[in-house]
N, C-alpha and C. Protein backbone atom coordinates (compact mmCIF):
# COMPACT_ATOMS: atom_id res chain seq x y z
N MET A 1 0.82 -1.19 0.00
CA MET A 1 0.00 0.00 0.00
C MET A 1 0.86 1.25 0.00
N ALA A 2 1.90 1.27 0.80
CA ALA A 2 2.74 2.46 0.88
C ALA A 2 3.44 2.73 -0.44
N VAL A 3 3.80 1.67 -1.15
CA VAL A 3 4.45 1.85 -2.45
C VAL A 3 3.48 2.50 -3.43
N GLY A 4 2.22 2.11 -3.38
CA GLY A 4 1.21 2.72 -4.24
C GLY A 4 1.02 4.19 -3.95
N VAL A 5 1.00 4.55 -2.69
CA VAL A 5 0.86 5.96 -2.31
C VAL A 5 2.09 6.74 -2.78
N TYR A 6 3.28 6.18 -2.59
CA TYR A 6 4.50 6.85 -3.03
C TYR A 6 4.50 7.03 -4.55
N THR A 7 4.11 6.01 -5.27
CA THR A 7 4.07 6.10 -6.73
C THR A 7 3.09 7.17 -7.18
N ALA A 8 1.93 7.22 -6.54
CA ALA A 8 0.96 8.26 -6.87
C ALA A 8 1.50 9.64 -6.56
N TYR A 9 2.25 9.76 -5.49
CA TYR A 9 2.81 11.05 -5.09
C TYR A 9 3.83 11.55 -6.11
N VAL A 10 4.68 10.69 -6.59
CA VAL A 10 5.74 11.15 -7.49
C VAL A 10 5.31 11.21 -8.95
N THR A 11 4.18 10.65 -9.30
CA THR A 11 3.78 10.64 -10.70
C THR A 11 2.53 11.45 -10.99
N HIS A 12 1.87 11.99 -10.01
CA HIS A 12 0.62 12.68 -10.23
C HIS A 12 0.55 13.94 -9.38
N ASP A 13 -0.35 14.83 -9.75
CA ASP A 13 -0.48 16.11 -9.04
C ASP A 13 -1.20 16.00 -7.71
N THR A 14 -1.97 14.97 -7.50
CA THR A 14 -2.79 14.89 -6.30
C THR A 14 -2.72 13.49 -5.68
N LEU A 15 -2.86 13.46 -4.39
CA LEU A 15 -2.90 12.19 -3.68
C LEU A 15 -4.30 11.83 -3.21
N LEU A 16 -5.29 12.63 -3.58
CA LEU A 16 -6.65 12.43 -3.07
C LEU A 16 -7.14 11.01 -3.33
N SER A 17 -7.06 10.55 -4.55
CA SER A 17 -7.55 9.22 -4.89
C SER A 17 -6.78 8.13 -4.16
N ALA A 18 -5.47 8.27 -4.10
CA ALA A 18 -4.66 7.25 -3.44
C ALA A 18 -4.94 7.17 -1.95
N VAL A 19 -5.09 8.31 -1.30
CA VAL A 19 -5.34 8.32 0.14
C VAL A 19 -6.73 7.78 0.45
N VAL A 20 -7.72 8.17 -0.34
CA VAL A 20 -9.08 7.66 -0.12
C VAL A 20 -9.10 6.15 -0.32
N SER A 21 -8.42 5.66 -1.34
CA SER A 21 -8.37 4.21 -1.57
C SER A 21 -7.64 3.50 -0.44
N LEU A 22 -6.60 4.11 0.07
CA LEU A 22 -5.86 3.53 1.20
C LEU A 22 -6.76 3.44 2.43
N VAL A 23 -7.54 4.47 2.71
CA VAL A 23 -8.44 4.44 3.86
C VAL A 23 -9.55 3.41 3.65
N LYS A 24 -10.07 3.33 2.43
CA LYS A 24 -11.09 2.32 2.14
C LYS A 24 -10.55 0.91 2.37
N ALA A 25 -9.32 0.68 1.93
CA ALA A 25 -8.70 -0.63 2.14
C ALA A 25 -8.49 -0.88 3.63
N GLY A 26 -8.08 0.14 4.35
CA GLY A 26 -7.90 0.01 5.80
C GLY A 26 -9.20 -0.30 6.52
N LEU A 27 -10.28 0.39 6.10
CA LEU A 27 -11.59 0.11 6.70
C LEU A 27 -12.04 -1.31 6.39
N ALA A 28 -11.84 -1.75 5.16
CA ALA A 28 -12.22 -3.12 4.79
C ALA A 28 -11.42 -4.14 5.59
N LEU A 29 -10.14 -3.86 5.76
CA LEU A 29 -9.29 -4.75 6.55
C LEU A 29 -9.76 -4.77 8.01
N GLY A 30 -10.10 -3.60 8.54
CA GLY A 30 -10.60 -3.53 9.92
C GLY A 30 -11.89 -4.31 10.10
N VAL A 31 -12.79 -4.17 9.14
CA VAL A 31 -14.06 -4.90 9.22
C VAL A 31 -13.80 -6.40 9.13
N ALA A 32 -12.86 -6.80 8.29
CA ALA A 32 -12.54 -8.23 8.17
C ALA A 32 -12.00 -8.80 9.46
N PHE A 33 -11.32 -7.96 10.26
CA PHE A 33 -10.77 -8.43 11.53
C PHE A 33 -11.63 -8.08 12.73
N GLY A 34 -12.89 -7.74 12.49
CA GLY A 34 -13.82 -7.60 13.59
C GLY A 34 -14.25 -6.19 13.96
N LEU A 35 -13.79 -5.16 13.22
CA LEU A 35 -14.26 -3.80 13.50
C LEU A 35 -15.72 -3.73 13.12
N ASN A 36 -16.54 -3.27 14.03
CA ASN A 36 -17.98 -3.27 13.83
C ASN A 36 -18.43 -1.92 13.28
N LEU A 37 -18.51 -1.81 11.95
CA LEU A 37 -18.96 -0.59 11.28
C LEU A 37 -20.14 -0.91 10.38
N THR A 38 -21.14 -0.05 10.39
CA THR A 38 -22.25 -0.21 9.47
C THR A 38 -21.87 0.40 8.13
N GLN A 39 -22.68 0.15 7.13
CA GLN A 39 -22.43 0.74 5.82
C GLN A 39 -22.51 2.26 5.88
N GLU A 40 -23.44 2.77 6.69
CA GLU A 40 -23.60 4.21 6.81
C GLU A 40 -22.37 4.85 7.48
N GLN A 41 -21.82 4.20 8.48
CA GLN A 41 -20.63 4.73 9.14
C GLN A 41 -19.43 4.73 8.20
N THR A 42 -19.30 3.67 7.44
CA THR A 42 -18.20 3.59 6.48
C THR A 42 -18.35 4.67 5.41
N ALA A 43 -19.54 4.83 4.87
CA ALA A 43 -19.79 5.85 3.85
C ALA A 43 -19.54 7.25 4.39
N THR A 44 -19.95 7.49 5.63
CA THR A 44 -19.74 8.81 6.25
C THR A 44 -18.25 9.09 6.43
N ALA A 45 -17.51 8.10 6.88
CA ALA A 45 -16.07 8.29 7.08
C ALA A 45 -15.38 8.59 5.75
N ILE A 46 -15.74 7.87 4.70
CA ILE A 46 -15.12 8.09 3.39
C ILE A 46 -15.52 9.46 2.83
N ALA A 47 -16.79 9.84 2.99
CA ALA A 47 -17.25 11.14 2.49
C ALA A 47 -16.57 12.29 3.22
N LEU A 48 -16.45 12.18 4.54
CA LEU A 48 -15.78 13.24 5.29
C LEU A 48 -14.30 13.33 4.93
N LEU A 49 -13.66 12.20 4.77
CA LEU A 49 -12.26 12.19 4.38
C LEU A 49 -12.08 12.84 3.00
N THR A 50 -12.93 12.47 2.05
CA THR A 50 -12.84 13.03 0.70
C THR A 50 -13.05 14.53 0.71
N ALA A 51 -14.05 15.00 1.46
CA ALA A 51 -14.32 16.44 1.52
C ALA A 51 -13.17 17.18 2.19
N THR A 52 -12.65 16.64 3.29
CA THR A 52 -11.55 17.30 4.01
C THR A 52 -10.29 17.36 3.15
N LEU A 53 -9.93 16.25 2.54
CA LEU A 53 -8.74 16.23 1.70
C LEU A 53 -8.93 17.10 0.45
N GLY A 54 -10.13 17.13 -0.08
CA GLY A 54 -10.41 17.98 -1.23
C GLY A 54 -10.24 19.46 -0.90
N LEU A 55 -10.72 19.85 0.28
CA LEU A 55 -10.55 21.24 0.71
C LEU A 55 -9.09 21.57 0.96
N TYR A 56 -8.36 20.65 1.54
CA TYR A 56 -6.93 20.87 1.76
C TYR A 56 -6.19 20.96 0.44
N GLN A 57 -6.51 20.06 -0.47
CA GLN A 57 -5.84 20.05 -1.77
C GLN A 57 -6.10 21.35 -2.51
N ARG A 58 -7.28 21.89 -2.37
CA ARG A 58 -7.62 23.14 -3.05
C ARG A 58 -6.74 24.29 -2.58
N THR A 59 -6.33 24.27 -1.32
CA THR A 59 -5.46 25.34 -0.83
C THR A 59 -4.04 25.17 -1.34
N GLN A 60 -3.68 23.97 -1.79
CA GLN A 60 -2.32 23.72 -2.26
C GLN A 60 -2.15 23.98 -3.76
N THR A 61 -3.25 24.16 -4.46
CA THR A 61 -3.18 24.48 -5.88
C THR A 61 -3.58 25.93 -6.05
N SER A 62 -3.01 26.59 -7.01
CA SER A 62 -3.32 28.01 -7.19
C SER A 62 -3.66 28.27 -8.65
N PRO A 63 -4.54 29.21 -8.87
CA PRO A 63 -4.86 29.57 -10.25
C PRO A 63 -3.73 30.40 -10.86
N LEU A 64 -3.85 30.69 -12.13
CA LEU A 64 -2.87 31.54 -12.78
C LEU A 64 -2.87 32.93 -12.16
N GLU A 65 -1.73 33.61 -12.23
CA GLU A 65 -1.66 34.97 -11.69
C GLU A 65 -2.65 35.87 -12.40
N LYS A 66 -2.74 35.73 -13.71
CA LYS A 66 -3.68 36.52 -14.49
C LYS A 66 -4.61 35.55 -15.19
N GLY A 67 -5.84 35.45 -14.72
CA GLY A 67 -6.78 34.50 -15.27
C GLY A 67 -7.15 34.82 -16.71
N SER A 68 -7.48 33.80 -17.47
CA SER A 68 -7.83 33.98 -18.86
C SER A 68 -8.66 32.80 -19.32
N PHE A 69 -9.57 33.09 -20.25
CA PHE A 69 -10.34 32.01 -20.85
C PHE A 69 -9.68 31.53 -22.13
N LYS A 70 -8.56 32.12 -22.49
CA LYS A 70 -7.87 31.78 -23.72
C LYS A 70 -7.25 30.39 -23.59
N THR A 71 -7.63 29.52 -24.50
CA THR A 71 -7.12 28.16 -24.46
C THR A 71 -6.16 27.87 -25.59
N GLY A 72 -6.03 28.81 -26.52
CA GLY A 72 -5.18 28.57 -27.66
C GLY A 72 -5.93 27.94 -28.82
N ILE A 73 -7.16 27.55 -28.58
CA ILE A 73 -7.99 26.97 -29.63
C ILE A 73 -9.05 27.99 -29.99
N GLU A 74 -8.99 28.50 -31.20
CA GLU A 74 -9.94 29.51 -31.64
C GLU A 74 -11.16 28.82 -32.26
N PRO A 75 -12.37 29.14 -31.77
CA PRO A 75 -13.57 28.54 -32.36
C PRO A 75 -13.83 29.13 -33.74
N ALA A 76 -14.59 28.42 -34.52
CA ALA A 76 -14.98 28.94 -35.85
C ALA A 76 -15.78 30.21 -35.65
N ASP A 77 -15.66 31.13 -36.59
CA ASP A 77 -16.33 32.41 -36.48
C ASP A 77 -17.82 32.21 -36.74
N ALA A 78 -18.59 32.02 -35.71
CA ALA A 78 -20.02 31.76 -35.84
C ALA A 78 -20.82 33.05 -35.93
N ALA A 79 -20.20 34.20 -35.62
CA ALA A 79 -20.92 35.48 -35.60
C ALA A 79 -21.19 36.00 -37.01
N THR A 80 -20.35 35.67 -37.95
CA THR A 80 -20.55 36.18 -39.31
C THR A 80 -21.45 35.23 -40.10
N PRO A 81 -22.50 35.78 -40.67
CA PRO A 81 -23.39 34.91 -41.48
C PRO A 81 -22.70 34.51 -42.78
N PRO A 82 -23.02 33.37 -43.29
CA PRO A 82 -22.42 32.96 -44.56
C PRO A 82 -22.85 33.88 -45.70
N SER A 83 -21.99 34.11 -46.66
CA SER A 83 -22.34 35.03 -47.76
C SER A 83 -22.88 34.29 -48.96
């Protein structure tokens, strides 16, 4: 599991998916060894983790200094009627 998290860290911009999957695997392992969790408790834990990590991740990424809608792809000129 740790190797998967490390690989995700060095090859991708975010660890959100890897960490959520790691926690899901941990919860499944815990339930297999006798941790008494309902489906609702498991879903709540995963949802809270995803929301918390998503909010944290958002603070670690920043938009461009000068925002722009320019993508480099110019759409066809739809404003001019055909002649």
